[in-house]
Amino acid sequence: MPPPDAWQFDAIGTAWQIDTAGPLPEQAVADVLGCIERFDRAWSRFRDDSLVSDIARGPGEWEMPDEADALLTFYDALNQLTDGAVNPLVGRTLADLGYDPTYSLSSAVEPSPVPGWDSITWSRPLLTTVEPVVLDVGAAGKGLLVDLVSSILWKHTNQFTVDASGDIFHRGTTPIRVALEHPADPTRAIGVVELE
């Protein structure tokens, strides 16, 4: 059971903190951890047993989880708005550049080109690929997971803050102040945002 006010844990490769006015029921804790595990098993390109890793191994037709519609529809809109500059099929290129499962951070090979978004077909609930592709849902995926976790917490308490290393959802009667970290000096803030 987490402590009454601040539950800290690591998940999806980053630090999380969930603040509540009192202890969460055991069922809420189990539901949150289960949600995160299901999401990670589907969307992580760092896990060999994930759906994304299966998709990366070869072309095919893949039944996607419920949240895929929101996520892939969002990325479809981003792809259109940016003329293809934002594309979650960038995963293999990122791995080639060193952002791989071992975080080697060194480019071992010539980076693979990023497949065009039109190289996949999304027709809920099926994703169809004609070649192996590596999805990297990145910040949008983490933001969606924070929303999913928040919807679970809302069933148990009306005051909480979820902080997944900077992706924050706050609900309550008291606003919180969030410092915006200086990019060159983590001990300084370049501004403050108040979340109500």
N, C-alpha and C. Protein backbone atom coordinates (compact mmCIF):
# COMPACT_ATOMS: atom_id res chain seq x y z
N MET A 1 0.85 -1.19 0.00
CA MET A 1 0.00 0.00 0.00
C MET A 1 0.88 1.24 0.00
N PRO A 2 0.56 2.24 -0.84
CA PRO A 2 1.36 3.46 -0.87
C PRO A 2 1.17 4.29 0.39
N PRO A 3 2.10 5.18 0.66
CA PRO A 3 1.92 6.08 1.81
C PRO A 3 0.72 6.99 1.57
N PRO A 4 0.17 7.60 2.64
CA PRO A 4 -1.08 8.36 2.52
C PRO A 4 -1.06 9.48 1.49
N ASP A 5 0.04 10.16 1.33
CA ASP A 5 0.01 11.36 0.53
C ASP A 5 0.79 11.28 -0.78
N ALA A 6 1.83 10.50 -0.85
CA ALA A 6 2.67 10.50 -2.04
C ALA A 6 3.10 9.07 -2.37
N TRP A 7 2.58 8.58 -3.46
CA TRP A 7 2.92 7.24 -3.93
C TRP A 7 3.93 7.40 -5.07
N GLN A 8 5.14 6.94 -4.85
CA GLN A 8 6.20 7.06 -5.85
C GLN A 8 6.57 5.69 -6.37
N PHE A 9 6.72 5.59 -7.70
CA PHE A 9 7.11 4.32 -8.31
C PHE A 9 7.68 4.61 -9.69
N ASP A 10 8.35 3.62 -10.25
CA ASP A 10 8.87 3.71 -11.61
C ASP A 10 8.01 2.87 -12.53
N ALA A 11 7.72 3.42 -13.70
CA ALA A 11 6.95 2.69 -14.71
C ALA A 11 7.23 3.31 -16.06
N ILE A 12 7.14 2.52 -17.09
CA ILE A 12 7.42 2.90 -18.48
C ILE A 12 8.73 3.67 -18.61
N GLY A 13 9.70 3.29 -17.82
CA GLY A 13 11.03 3.89 -17.93
C GLY A 13 11.18 5.26 -17.31
N THR A 14 10.25 5.66 -16.44
CA THR A 14 10.34 6.98 -15.84
C THR A 14 9.74 6.97 -14.43
N ALA A 15 9.99 8.04 -13.68
CA ALA A 15 9.49 8.15 -12.31
C ALA A 15 8.08 8.74 -12.29
N TRP A 16 7.24 8.16 -11.45
CA TRP A 16 5.87 8.63 -11.26
C TRP A 16 5.67 9.02 -9.81
N GLN A 17 4.75 9.96 -9.59
CA GLN A 17 4.28 10.26 -8.24
C GLN A 17 2.79 10.57 -8.32
N ILE A 18 2.04 9.92 -7.46
CA ILE A 18 0.60 10.19 -7.35
C ILE A 18 0.35 10.71 -5.95
N ASP A 19 -0.14 11.94 -5.88
CA ASP A 19 -0.45 12.58 -4.60
C ASP A 19 -1.96 12.56 -4.37
N THR A 20 -2.36 12.14 -3.20
CA THR A 20 -3.77 12.11 -2.82
C THR A 20 -3.90 12.63 -1.40
N ALA A 21 -5.14 12.98 -1.02
CA ALA A 21 -5.37 13.50 0.32
C ALA A 21 -5.23 12.42 1.38
N GLY A 22 -5.42 11.17 1.01
CA GLY A 22 -5.29 10.06 1.95
C GLY A 22 -4.90 8.81 1.19
N PRO A 23 -4.74 7.71 1.90
CA PRO A 23 -4.33 6.47 1.23
C PRO A 23 -5.36 6.02 0.20
N LEU A 24 -4.86 5.48 -0.90
CA LEU A 24 -5.73 4.92 -1.91
C LEU A 24 -6.17 3.52 -1.50
N PRO A 25 -7.40 3.12 -1.85
CA PRO A 25 -7.81 1.74 -1.59
C PRO A 25 -6.92 0.77 -2.38
N GLU A 26 -6.74 -0.43 -1.86
CA GLU A 26 -5.91 -1.42 -2.53
C GLU A 26 -6.37 -1.67 -3.96
N GLN A 27 -7.68 -1.64 -4.18
CA GLN A 27 -8.20 -1.89 -5.53
C GLN A 27 -7.76 -0.79 -6.49
N ALA A 28 -7.72 0.46 -6.03
CA ALA A 28 -7.27 1.56 -6.88
C ALA A 28 -5.81 1.37 -7.26
N VAL A 29 -4.99 0.98 -6.28
CA VAL A 29 -3.57 0.73 -6.55
C VAL A 29 -3.42 -0.38 -7.58
N ALA A 30 -4.16 -1.47 -7.39
CA ALA A 30 -4.09 -2.59 -8.33
C ALA A 30 -4.56 -2.18 -9.72
N ASP A 31 -5.63 -1.37 -9.78
CA ASP A 31 -6.15 -0.93 -11.08
C ASP A 31 -5.16 -0.03 -11.80
N VAL A 32 -4.50 0.88 -11.07
CA VAL A 32 -3.51 1.76 -11.67
C VAL A 32 -2.33 0.95 -12.22
N LEU A 33 -1.80 0.06 -11.39
CA LEU A 33 -0.66 -0.75 -11.83
C LEU A 33 -1.03 -1.66 -13.00
N GLY A 34 -2.24 -2.20 -12.98
CA GLY A 34 -2.70 -3.04 -14.09
C GLY A 34 -2.84 -2.26 -15.37
N CYS A 35 -3.37 -1.05 -15.28
CA CYS A 35 -3.51 -0.17 -16.45
C CYS A 35 -2.15 0.14 -17.07
N ILE A 36 -1.20 0.49 -16.22
CA ILE A 36 0.14 0.83 -16.71
C ILE A 36 0.80 -0.39 -17.34
N GLU A 37 0.66 -1.56 -16.73
CA GLU A 37 1.26 -2.78 -17.29
C GLU A 37 0.65 -3.12 -18.65
N ARG A 38 -0.68 -3.03 -18.78
CA ARG A 38 -1.33 -3.31 -20.06
C ARG A 38 -0.86 -2.34 -21.13
N PHE A 39 -0.76 -1.07 -20.78
CA PHE A 39 -0.32 -0.04 -21.73
C PHE A 39 1.11 -0.32 -22.17
N ASP A 40 1.98 -0.61 -21.21
CA ASP A 40 3.38 -0.87 -21.51
C ASP A 40 3.54 -2.12 -22.37
N ARG A 41 2.76 -3.16 -22.07
CA ARG A 41 2.85 -4.40 -22.85
C ARG A 41 2.37 -4.17 -24.28
N ALA A 42 1.51 -3.23 -24.49
CA ALA A 42 1.04 -2.93 -25.85
C ALA A 42 2.01 -2.00 -26.58
N TRP A 43 2.42 -0.90 -25.96
CA TRP A 43 3.03 0.22 -26.68
C TRP A 43 4.54 0.37 -26.52
N SER A 44 5.18 -0.38 -25.64
CA SER A 44 6.62 -0.18 -25.43
C SER A 44 7.43 -0.77 -26.58
N ARG A 45 8.34 0.03 -27.12
CA ARG A 45 9.27 -0.51 -28.11
C ARG A 45 10.53 -1.03 -27.43
N PHE A 46 10.58 -0.95 -26.10
CA PHE A 46 11.73 -1.42 -25.34
C PHE A 46 11.51 -2.82 -24.75
N ARG A 47 10.31 -3.35 -24.87
CA ARG A 47 10.00 -4.68 -24.35
C ARG A 47 9.88 -5.66 -25.51
N ASP A 48 10.57 -6.77 -25.41
CA ASP A 48 10.52 -7.77 -26.47
C ASP A 48 9.15 -8.44 -26.56
N ASP A 49 8.38 -8.42 -25.45
CA ASP A 49 7.08 -9.09 -25.43
C ASP A 49 5.91 -8.15 -25.71
N SER A 50 6.18 -6.94 -26.21
CA SER A 50 5.10 -5.98 -26.44
C SER A 50 4.48 -6.16 -27.83
N LEU A 51 3.29 -5.64 -27.98
CA LEU A 51 2.62 -5.63 -29.28
C LEU A 51 3.44 -4.84 -30.30
N VAL A 52 4.00 -3.71 -29.89
CA VAL A 52 4.83 -2.90 -30.78
C VAL A 52 6.04 -3.70 -31.27
N SER A 53 6.64 -4.52 -30.40
CA SER A 53 7.76 -5.36 -30.82
C SER A 53 7.31 -6.43 -31.80
N ASP A 54 6.10 -6.97 -31.60
CA ASP A 54 5.56 -7.93 -32.56
C ASP A 54 5.39 -7.28 -33.93
N ILE A 55 4.85 -6.07 -33.94
CA ILE A 55 4.63 -5.34 -35.20
C ILE A 55 5.96 -5.07 -35.89
N ALA A 56 7.01 -4.85 -35.11
CA ALA A 56 8.33 -4.55 -35.67
C ALA A 56 8.98 -5.76 -36.34
N ARG A 57 8.49 -6.96 -36.02
CA ARG A 57 9.13 -8.17 -36.55
C ARG A 57 8.68 -8.53 -37.96
N GLY A 58 7.57 -8.01 -38.41
CA GLY A 58 7.13 -8.35 -39.76
C GLY A 58 5.79 -7.74 -40.09
N PRO A 59 5.45 -7.71 -41.38
CA PRO A 59 4.16 -7.14 -41.78
C PRO A 59 3.01 -8.03 -41.32
N GLY A 60 1.84 -7.44 -41.23
CA GLY A 60 0.68 -8.23 -40.83
C GLY A 60 -0.49 -7.36 -40.44
N GLU A 61 -1.45 -8.01 -39.81
CA GLU A 61 -2.65 -7.35 -39.33
C GLU A 61 -2.68 -7.53 -37.83
N TRP A 62 -2.84 -6.45 -37.11
CA TRP A 62 -2.68 -6.46 -35.66
C TRP A 62 -3.92 -5.90 -34.97
N GLU A 63 -4.46 -6.64 -34.02
CA GLU A 63 -5.58 -6.13 -33.24
C GLU A 63 -5.02 -5.24 -32.14
N MET A 64 -5.44 -4.00 -32.14
CA MET A 64 -4.89 -2.99 -31.24
C MET A 64 -5.78 -2.80 -30.02
N PRO A 65 -5.20 -2.33 -28.91
CA PRO A 65 -5.99 -2.10 -27.69
C PRO A 65 -6.96 -0.92 -27.87
N ASP A 66 -7.88 -0.80 -26.93
CA ASP A 66 -8.94 0.22 -27.03
C ASP A 66 -8.41 1.63 -27.22
N GLU A 67 -7.32 1.98 -26.54
CA GLU A 67 -6.82 3.36 -26.61
C GLU A 67 -6.15 3.68 -27.95
N ALA A 68 -5.98 2.68 -28.80
CA ALA A 68 -5.30 2.91 -30.08
C ALA A 68 -6.05 3.91 -30.94
N ASP A 69 -7.37 3.90 -30.88
CA ASP A 69 -8.13 4.82 -31.72
C ASP A 69 -7.78 6.27 -31.40
N ALA A 70 -7.77 6.61 -30.11
CA ALA A 70 -7.42 7.99 -29.72
C ALA A 70 -5.99 8.31 -30.11
N LEU A 71 -5.08 7.38 -29.87
CA LEU A 71 -3.67 7.64 -30.11
C LEU A 71 -3.35 7.72 -31.60
N LEU A 72 -3.81 6.77 -32.37
CA LEU A 72 -3.49 6.76 -33.80
C LEU A 72 -4.24 7.85 -34.57
N THR A 73 -5.45 8.18 -34.13
CA THR A 73 -6.18 9.29 -34.74
C THR A 73 -5.46 10.61 -34.47
N PHE A 74 -4.95 10.77 -33.26
CA PHE A 74 -4.17 11.96 -32.91
C PHE A 74 -2.91 12.06 -33.78
N TYR A 75 -2.19 10.94 -33.92
CA TYR A 75 -0.98 10.97 -34.74
C TYR A 75 -1.31 11.18 -36.21
N ASP A 76 -2.44 10.70 -36.66
CA ASP A 76 -2.87 10.97 -38.04
C ASP A 76 -3.05 12.47 -38.25
N ALA A 77 -3.69 13.12 -37.28
CA ALA A 77 -3.88 14.58 -37.38
C ALA A 77 -2.55 15.31 -37.33
N LEU A 78 -1.64 14.89 -36.43
CA LEU A 78 -0.33 15.52 -36.35
C LEU A 78 0.46 15.34 -37.65
N ASN A 79 0.37 14.17 -38.24
CA ASN A 79 1.05 13.90 -39.50
C ASN A 79 0.55 14.85 -40.58
N GLN A 80 -0.76 15.04 -40.64
CA GLN A 80 -1.34 15.94 -41.64
C GLN A 80 -0.95 17.40 -41.38
N LEU A 81 -1.04 17.82 -40.12
CA LEU A 81 -0.75 19.22 -39.78
C LEU A 81 0.72 19.59 -39.98
N THR A 82 1.61 18.60 -39.90
CA THR A 82 3.04 18.88 -40.01
C THR A 82 3.64 18.40 -41.33
N ASP A 83 2.78 18.05 -42.28
CA ASP A 83 3.25 17.52 -43.57
C ASP A 83 4.22 16.36 -43.38
N GLY A 84 3.90 15.48 -42.43
CA GLY A 84 4.69 14.27 -42.23
C GLY A 84 5.87 14.41 -41.29
N ALA A 85 6.09 15.60 -40.73
CA ALA A 85 7.25 15.79 -39.84
C ALA A 85 7.06 15.08 -38.49
N VAL A 86 5.81 14.92 -38.04
CA VAL A 86 5.53 14.19 -36.80
C VAL A 86 4.91 12.86 -37.20
N ASN A 87 5.62 11.78 -36.90
CA ASN A 87 5.23 10.46 -37.37
C ASN A 87 5.73 9.43 -36.36
N PRO A 88 4.82 8.66 -35.72
CA PRO A 88 5.27 7.70 -34.71
C PRO A 88 5.98 6.48 -35.29
N LEU A 89 6.15 6.40 -36.60
CA LEU A 89 6.89 5.29 -37.19
C LEU A 89 8.39 5.54 -37.15
N VAL A 90 8.81 6.51 -36.38
CA VAL A 90 10.21 6.91 -36.25
C VAL A 90 11.02 5.97 -35.33
N GLY A 91 10.37 4.98 -34.74
CA GLY A 91 11.02 4.14 -33.73
C GLY A 91 12.30 3.47 -34.17
N ARG A 92 12.33 2.88 -35.36
CA ARG A 92 13.54 2.19 -35.82
C ARG A 92 14.68 3.18 -36.01
N THR A 93 14.37 4.36 -36.53
CA THR A 93 15.39 5.39 -36.72
C THR A 93 15.96 5.82 -35.37
N LEU A 94 15.10 6.02 -34.38
CA LEU A 94 15.56 6.39 -33.04
C LEU A 94 16.47 5.30 -32.46
N ALA A 95 16.09 4.05 -32.64
CA ALA A 95 16.92 2.95 -32.13
C ALA A 95 18.28 2.93 -32.84
N ASP A 96 18.26 3.16 -34.15
CA ASP A 96 19.53 3.19 -34.91
C ASP A 96 20.45 4.31 -34.44
N LEU A 97 19.84 5.39 -33.94
CA LEU A 97 20.63 6.53 -33.46
C LEU A 97 21.07 6.37 -32.00
N GLY A 98 20.69 5.25 -31.37
CA GLY A 98 21.15 4.99 -30.01
C GLY A 98 20.09 5.06 -28.95
N TYR A 99 18.86 5.49 -29.30
CA TYR A 99 17.77 5.48 -28.33
C TYR A 99 17.09 4.12 -28.45
N ASP A 100 17.82 3.11 -27.98
CA ASP A 100 17.44 1.72 -28.14
C ASP A 100 17.11 1.11 -26.78
N PRO A 101 16.72 -0.17 -26.73
CA PRO A 101 16.36 -0.77 -25.43
C PRO A 101 17.46 -0.72 -24.37
N THR A 102 18.72 -0.64 -24.78
CA THR A 102 19.80 -0.56 -23.79
C THR A 102 20.26 0.87 -23.55
N TYR A 103 19.60 1.84 -24.20
CA TYR A 103 19.98 3.26 -24.09
C TYR A 103 21.47 3.44 -24.39
N SER A 104 21.93 2.85 -25.48
CA SER A 104 23.35 2.95 -25.83
C SER A 104 23.76 4.39 -26.13
N LEU A 105 22.83 5.19 -26.64
CA LEU A 105 23.05 6.59 -26.97
C LEU A 105 24.22 6.80 -27.93
N SER A 106 24.49 5.79 -28.74
CA SER A 106 25.50 5.94 -29.78
C SER A 106 24.97 5.31 -31.06
N SER A 107 25.18 5.99 -32.15
CA SER A 107 24.69 5.52 -33.43
C SER A 107 25.57 4.38 -33.92
N ALA A 108 24.97 3.19 -34.01
CA ALA A 108 25.74 2.01 -34.41
C ALA A 108 25.68 1.78 -35.92
N VAL A 109 24.67 2.29 -36.55
CA VAL A 109 24.48 2.07 -37.99
C VAL A 109 23.97 3.34 -38.64
N GLU A 110 23.94 3.33 -39.94
CA GLU A 110 23.29 4.43 -40.67
C GLU A 110 21.80 4.37 -40.31
N PRO A 111 21.23 5.46 -39.86
CA PRO A 111 19.83 5.41 -39.43
C PRO A 111 18.89 4.99 -40.56
N SER A 112 17.95 4.15 -40.22
CA SER A 112 16.92 3.74 -41.18
C SER A 112 16.04 4.94 -41.51
N PRO A 113 15.54 5.01 -42.74
CA PRO A 113 14.59 6.07 -43.06
C PRO A 113 13.27 5.82 -42.32
N VAL A 114 12.54 6.88 -42.07
CA VAL A 114 11.25 6.76 -41.40
C VAL A 114 10.19 6.44 -42.45
N PRO A 115 9.48 5.31 -42.29
CA PRO A 115 8.43 5.00 -43.26
C PRO A 115 7.34 6.07 -43.24
N GLY A 116 6.72 6.30 -44.36
CA GLY A 116 5.62 7.26 -44.41
C GLY A 116 4.42 6.76 -43.63
N TRP A 117 3.68 7.68 -43.05
CA TRP A 117 2.49 7.32 -42.27
C TRP A 117 1.50 6.54 -43.12
N ASP A 118 1.50 6.79 -44.42
CA ASP A 118 0.58 6.08 -45.30
C ASP A 118 1.01 4.63 -45.56
N SER A 119 2.11 4.19 -44.97
CA SER A 119 2.54 2.80 -45.13
C SER A 119 1.79 1.87 -44.18
N ILE A 120 0.95 2.43 -43.31
CA ILE A 120 0.10 1.62 -42.44
C ILE A 120 -1.35 1.98 -42.70
N THR A 121 -2.23 1.07 -42.34
CA THR A 121 -3.67 1.32 -42.46
C THR A 121 -4.29 1.08 -41.10
N TRP A 122 -5.05 2.06 -40.64
CA TRP A 122 -5.72 1.95 -39.35
C TRP A 122 -7.22 1.91 -39.59
N SER A 123 -7.84 0.79 -39.26
CA SER A 123 -9.28 0.63 -39.35
C SER A 123 -9.70 -0.10 -38.09
N ARG A 124 -10.14 0.66 -37.12
CA ARG A 124 -10.43 0.17 -35.78
C ARG A 124 -11.09 -1.19 -35.79
N PRO A 125 -10.62 -2.19 -35.11
CA PRO A 125 -9.49 -2.20 -34.18
C PRO A 125 -8.19 -2.73 -34.83
N LEU A 126 -8.14 -2.77 -36.17
CA LEU A 126 -7.01 -3.42 -36.82
C LEU A 126 -6.02 -2.43 -37.41
N LEU A 127 -4.74 -2.70 -37.17
CA LEU A 127 -3.64 -1.98 -37.80
C LEU A 127 -3.03 -2.94 -38.81
N THR A 128 -2.90 -2.50 -40.05
CA THR A 128 -2.32 -3.34 -41.10
C THR A 128 -1.02 -2.71 -41.55
N THR A 129 0.03 -3.53 -41.59
CA THR A 129 1.34 -3.06 -42.04
C THR A 129 1.79 -3.90 -43.23
N VAL A 130 2.51 -3.28 -44.14
CA VAL A 130 3.03 -3.99 -45.32
C VAL A 130 4.52 -4.24 -45.19
N GLU A 131 5.12 -3.73 -44.13
CA GLU A 131 6.53 -3.93 -43.84
C GLU A 131 6.70 -3.84 -42.32
N PRO A 132 7.79 -4.35 -41.79
CA PRO A 132 8.01 -4.17 -40.35
C PRO A 132 8.17 -2.68 -40.02
N VAL A 133 7.43 -2.21 -39.04
CA VAL A 133 7.54 -0.82 -38.60
C VAL A 133 7.68 -0.79 -37.09
N VAL A 134 8.37 0.22 -36.58
CA VAL A 134 8.54 0.37 -35.14
C VAL A 134 7.83 1.65 -34.71
N LEU A 135 6.71 1.46 -34.03
CA LEU A 135 5.95 2.60 -33.49
C LEU A 135 6.66 3.16 -32.27
N ASP A 136 6.71 4.46 -32.17
CA ASP A 136 7.20 5.12 -30.97
C ASP A 136 6.17 6.19 -30.62
N VAL A 137 5.29 5.88 -29.67
CA VAL A 137 4.20 6.80 -29.36
C VAL A 137 4.62 7.94 -28.45
N GLY A 138 5.82 7.88 -27.91
CA GLY A 138 6.46 9.00 -27.22
C GLY A 138 5.60 9.74 -26.23
N ALA A 139 5.72 11.06 -26.28
CA ALA A 139 5.05 11.93 -25.31
C ALA A 139 3.53 11.82 -25.39
N ALA A 140 3.00 11.65 -26.58
CA ALA A 140 1.55 11.50 -26.70
C ALA A 140 1.08 10.24 -25.99
N GLY A 141 1.86 9.18 -26.10
CA GLY A 141 1.51 7.94 -25.41
C GLY A 141 1.56 8.11 -23.90
N LYS A 142 2.61 8.77 -23.40
CA LYS A 142 2.72 8.97 -21.96
C LYS A 142 1.59 9.87 -21.46
N GLY A 143 1.27 10.90 -22.22
CA GLY A 143 0.16 11.78 -21.83
C GLY A 143 -1.16 11.03 -21.79
N LEU A 144 -1.38 10.16 -22.77
CA LEU A 144 -2.60 9.36 -22.77
C LEU A 144 -2.63 8.43 -21.57
N LEU A 145 -1.49 7.83 -21.24
CA LEU A 145 -1.45 6.94 -20.07
C LEU A 145 -1.76 7.71 -18.79
N VAL A 146 -1.25 8.92 -18.66
CA VAL A 146 -1.58 9.75 -17.49
C VAL A 146 -3.10 9.98 -17.43
N ASP A 147 -3.72 10.24 -18.58
CA ASP A 147 -5.18 10.41 -18.62
C ASP A 147 -5.90 9.13 -18.19
N LEU A 148 -5.42 7.97 -18.66
CA LEU A 148 -6.05 6.70 -18.29
C LEU A 148 -5.92 6.44 -16.79
N VAL A 149 -4.74 6.69 -16.24
CA VAL A 149 -4.54 6.52 -14.79
C VAL A 149 -5.43 7.50 -14.02
N SER A 150 -5.53 8.72 -14.50
CA SER A 150 -6.38 9.72 -13.83
C SER A 150 -7.84 9.30 -13.82
N SER A 151 -8.31 8.68 -14.90
CA SER A 151 -9.71 8.24 -14.94
C SER A 151 -9.97 7.14 -13.92
N ILE A 152 -8.96 6.32 -13.64
CA ILE A 152 -9.09 5.30 -12.59
C ILE A 152 -9.15 5.97 -11.22
N LEU A 153 -8.25 6.92 -10.98
CA LEU A 153 -8.21 7.60 -9.67
C LEU A 153 -9.51 8.35 -9.39
N TRP A 154 -10.08 8.93 -10.43
CA TRP A 154 -11.30 9.73 -10.28
C TRP A 154 -12.44 8.88 -9.70
N LYS A 155 -12.40 7.58 -9.90
CA LYS A 155 -13.43 6.69 -9.35
C LYS A 155 -13.28 6.52 -7.84
N HIS A 156 -12.10 6.86 -7.31
CA HIS A 156 -11.80 6.62 -5.89
C HIS A 156 -11.62 7.90 -5.08
N THR A 157 -11.27 8.99 -5.73
CA THR A 157 -11.03 10.24 -5.01
C THR A 157 -11.23 11.42 -5.96
N ASN A 158 -11.68 12.54 -5.41
CA ASN A 158 -11.89 13.72 -6.28
C ASN A 158 -10.76 14.73 -6.16
N GLN A 159 -9.69 14.37 -5.42
CA GLN A 159 -8.54 15.26 -5.31
C GLN A 159 -7.26 14.45 -5.45
N PHE A 160 -6.52 14.71 -6.53
CA PHE A 160 -5.29 13.97 -6.78
C PHE A 160 -4.45 14.70 -7.81
N THR A 161 -3.18 14.36 -7.81
CA THR A 161 -2.24 14.83 -8.83
C THR A 161 -1.44 13.64 -9.31
N VAL A 162 -1.36 13.47 -10.61
CA VAL A 162 -0.53 12.44 -11.22
C VAL A 162 0.61 13.16 -11.92
N ASP A 163 1.84 12.80 -11.57
CA ASP A 163 3.03 13.39 -12.20
C ASP A 163 3.88 12.25 -12.75
N ALA A 164 3.88 12.11 -14.07
CA ALA A 164 4.72 11.10 -14.72
C ALA A 164 5.92 11.82 -15.32
N SER A 165 6.81 12.25 -14.46
CA SER A 165 8.03 12.97 -14.88
C SER A 165 7.73 14.17 -15.77
N GLY A 166 6.78 14.96 -15.33
CA GLY A 166 6.49 16.20 -16.05
C GLY A 166 5.19 16.19 -16.83
N ASP A 167 4.64 15.03 -17.12
CA ASP A 167 3.29 14.94 -17.68
C ASP A 167 2.35 14.91 -16.48
N ILE A 168 1.62 15.99 -16.27
CA ILE A 168 0.89 16.18 -15.01
C ILE A 168 -0.60 16.32 -15.26
N PHE A 169 -1.38 15.65 -14.42
CA PHE A 169 -2.83 15.81 -14.39
C PHE A 169 -3.19 16.12 -12.94
N HIS A 170 -3.92 17.22 -12.73
CA HIS A 170 -4.30 17.62 -11.37
C HIS A 170 -5.81 17.81 -11.32
N ARG A 171 -6.41 17.27 -10.25
CA ARG A 171 -7.83 17.49 -10.02
C ARG A 171 -8.00 17.75 -8.53
N GLY A 172 -8.68 18.83 -8.20
CA GLY A 172 -8.91 19.13 -6.79
C GLY A 172 -9.37 20.54 -6.60
N THR A 173 -9.59 20.90 -5.34
CA THR A 173 -10.10 22.23 -5.02
C THR A 173 -8.98 23.24 -4.80
N THR A 174 -7.77 22.75 -4.62
CA THR A 174 -6.63 23.64 -4.39
C THR A 174 -5.68 23.59 -5.59
N PRO A 175 -5.41 24.73 -6.21
CA PRO A 175 -4.46 24.73 -7.33
C PRO A 175 -3.06 24.33 -6.87
N ILE A 176 -2.28 23.83 -7.79
CA ILE A 176 -0.87 23.54 -7.51
C ILE A 176 -0.01 24.41 -8.42
N ARG A 177 1.18 24.73 -7.94
CA ARG A 177 2.13 25.51 -8.73
C ARG A 177 3.22 24.58 -9.24
N VAL A 178 3.48 24.66 -10.53
CA VAL A 178 4.47 23.79 -11.16
C VAL A 178 5.56 24.65 -11.77
N ALA A 179 6.79 24.42 -11.35
CA ALA A 179 7.92 25.16 -11.91
C ALA A 179 8.31 24.56 -13.26
N LEU A 180 8.65 25.42 -14.20
CA LEU A 180 9.14 25.00 -15.51
C LEU A 180 10.66 25.03 -15.45
N GLU A 181 11.26 23.86 -15.50
CA GLU A 181 12.70 23.72 -15.29
C GLU A 181 13.52 24.40 -16.38
N HIS A 182 14.55 25.09 -15.96
CA HIS A 182 15.49 25.71 -16.90
C HIS A 182 16.22 24.60 -17.64
N PRO A 183 16.28 24.64 -18.98
CA PRO A 183 16.90 23.54 -19.72
C PRO A 183 18.39 23.35 -19.46
N ALA A 184 19.08 24.39 -19.04
CA ALA A 184 20.52 24.29 -18.80
C ALA A 184 20.88 24.18 -17.32
N ASP A 185 19.90 24.42 -16.44
CA ASP A 185 20.19 24.39 -15.01
C ASP A 185 18.95 23.89 -14.26
N PRO A 186 18.92 22.59 -13.90
CA PRO A 186 17.73 22.03 -13.26
C PRO A 186 17.44 22.59 -11.87
N THR A 187 18.34 23.40 -11.31
CA THR A 187 18.07 24.01 -10.01
C THR A 187 17.30 25.32 -10.15
N ARG A 188 17.07 25.77 -11.39
CA ARG A 188 16.37 27.04 -11.64
C ARG A 188 15.09 26.81 -12.43
N ALA A 189 14.16 27.72 -12.26
CA ALA A 189 12.90 27.70 -13.02
C ALA A 189 12.89 28.89 -13.98
N ILE A 190 12.31 28.66 -15.15
CA ILE A 190 12.16 29.77 -16.11
C ILE A 190 10.75 30.32 -16.07
N GLY A 191 9.91 29.71 -15.24
CA GLY A 191 8.54 30.18 -15.09
C GLY A 191 7.77 29.24 -14.18
N VAL A 192 6.55 29.64 -13.86
CA VAL A 192 5.69 28.84 -13.00
C VAL A 192 4.30 28.83 -13.62
N VAL A 193 3.69 27.64 -13.62
CA VAL A 193 2.32 27.48 -14.12
C VAL A 193 1.47 27.04 -12.94
N GLU A 194 0.28 27.64 -12.82
CA GLU A 194 -0.65 27.24 -11.78
C GLU A 194 -1.73 26.36 -12.41
N LEU A 195 -1.86 25.13 -11.90
CA LEU A 195 -2.87 24.20 -12.40
C LEU A 195 -4.03 24.17 -11.43
N GLU A 196 -5.22 24.39 -11.95
CA GLU A 196 -6.42 24.37 -11.09
C GLU A 196 -7.17 23.08 -11.31
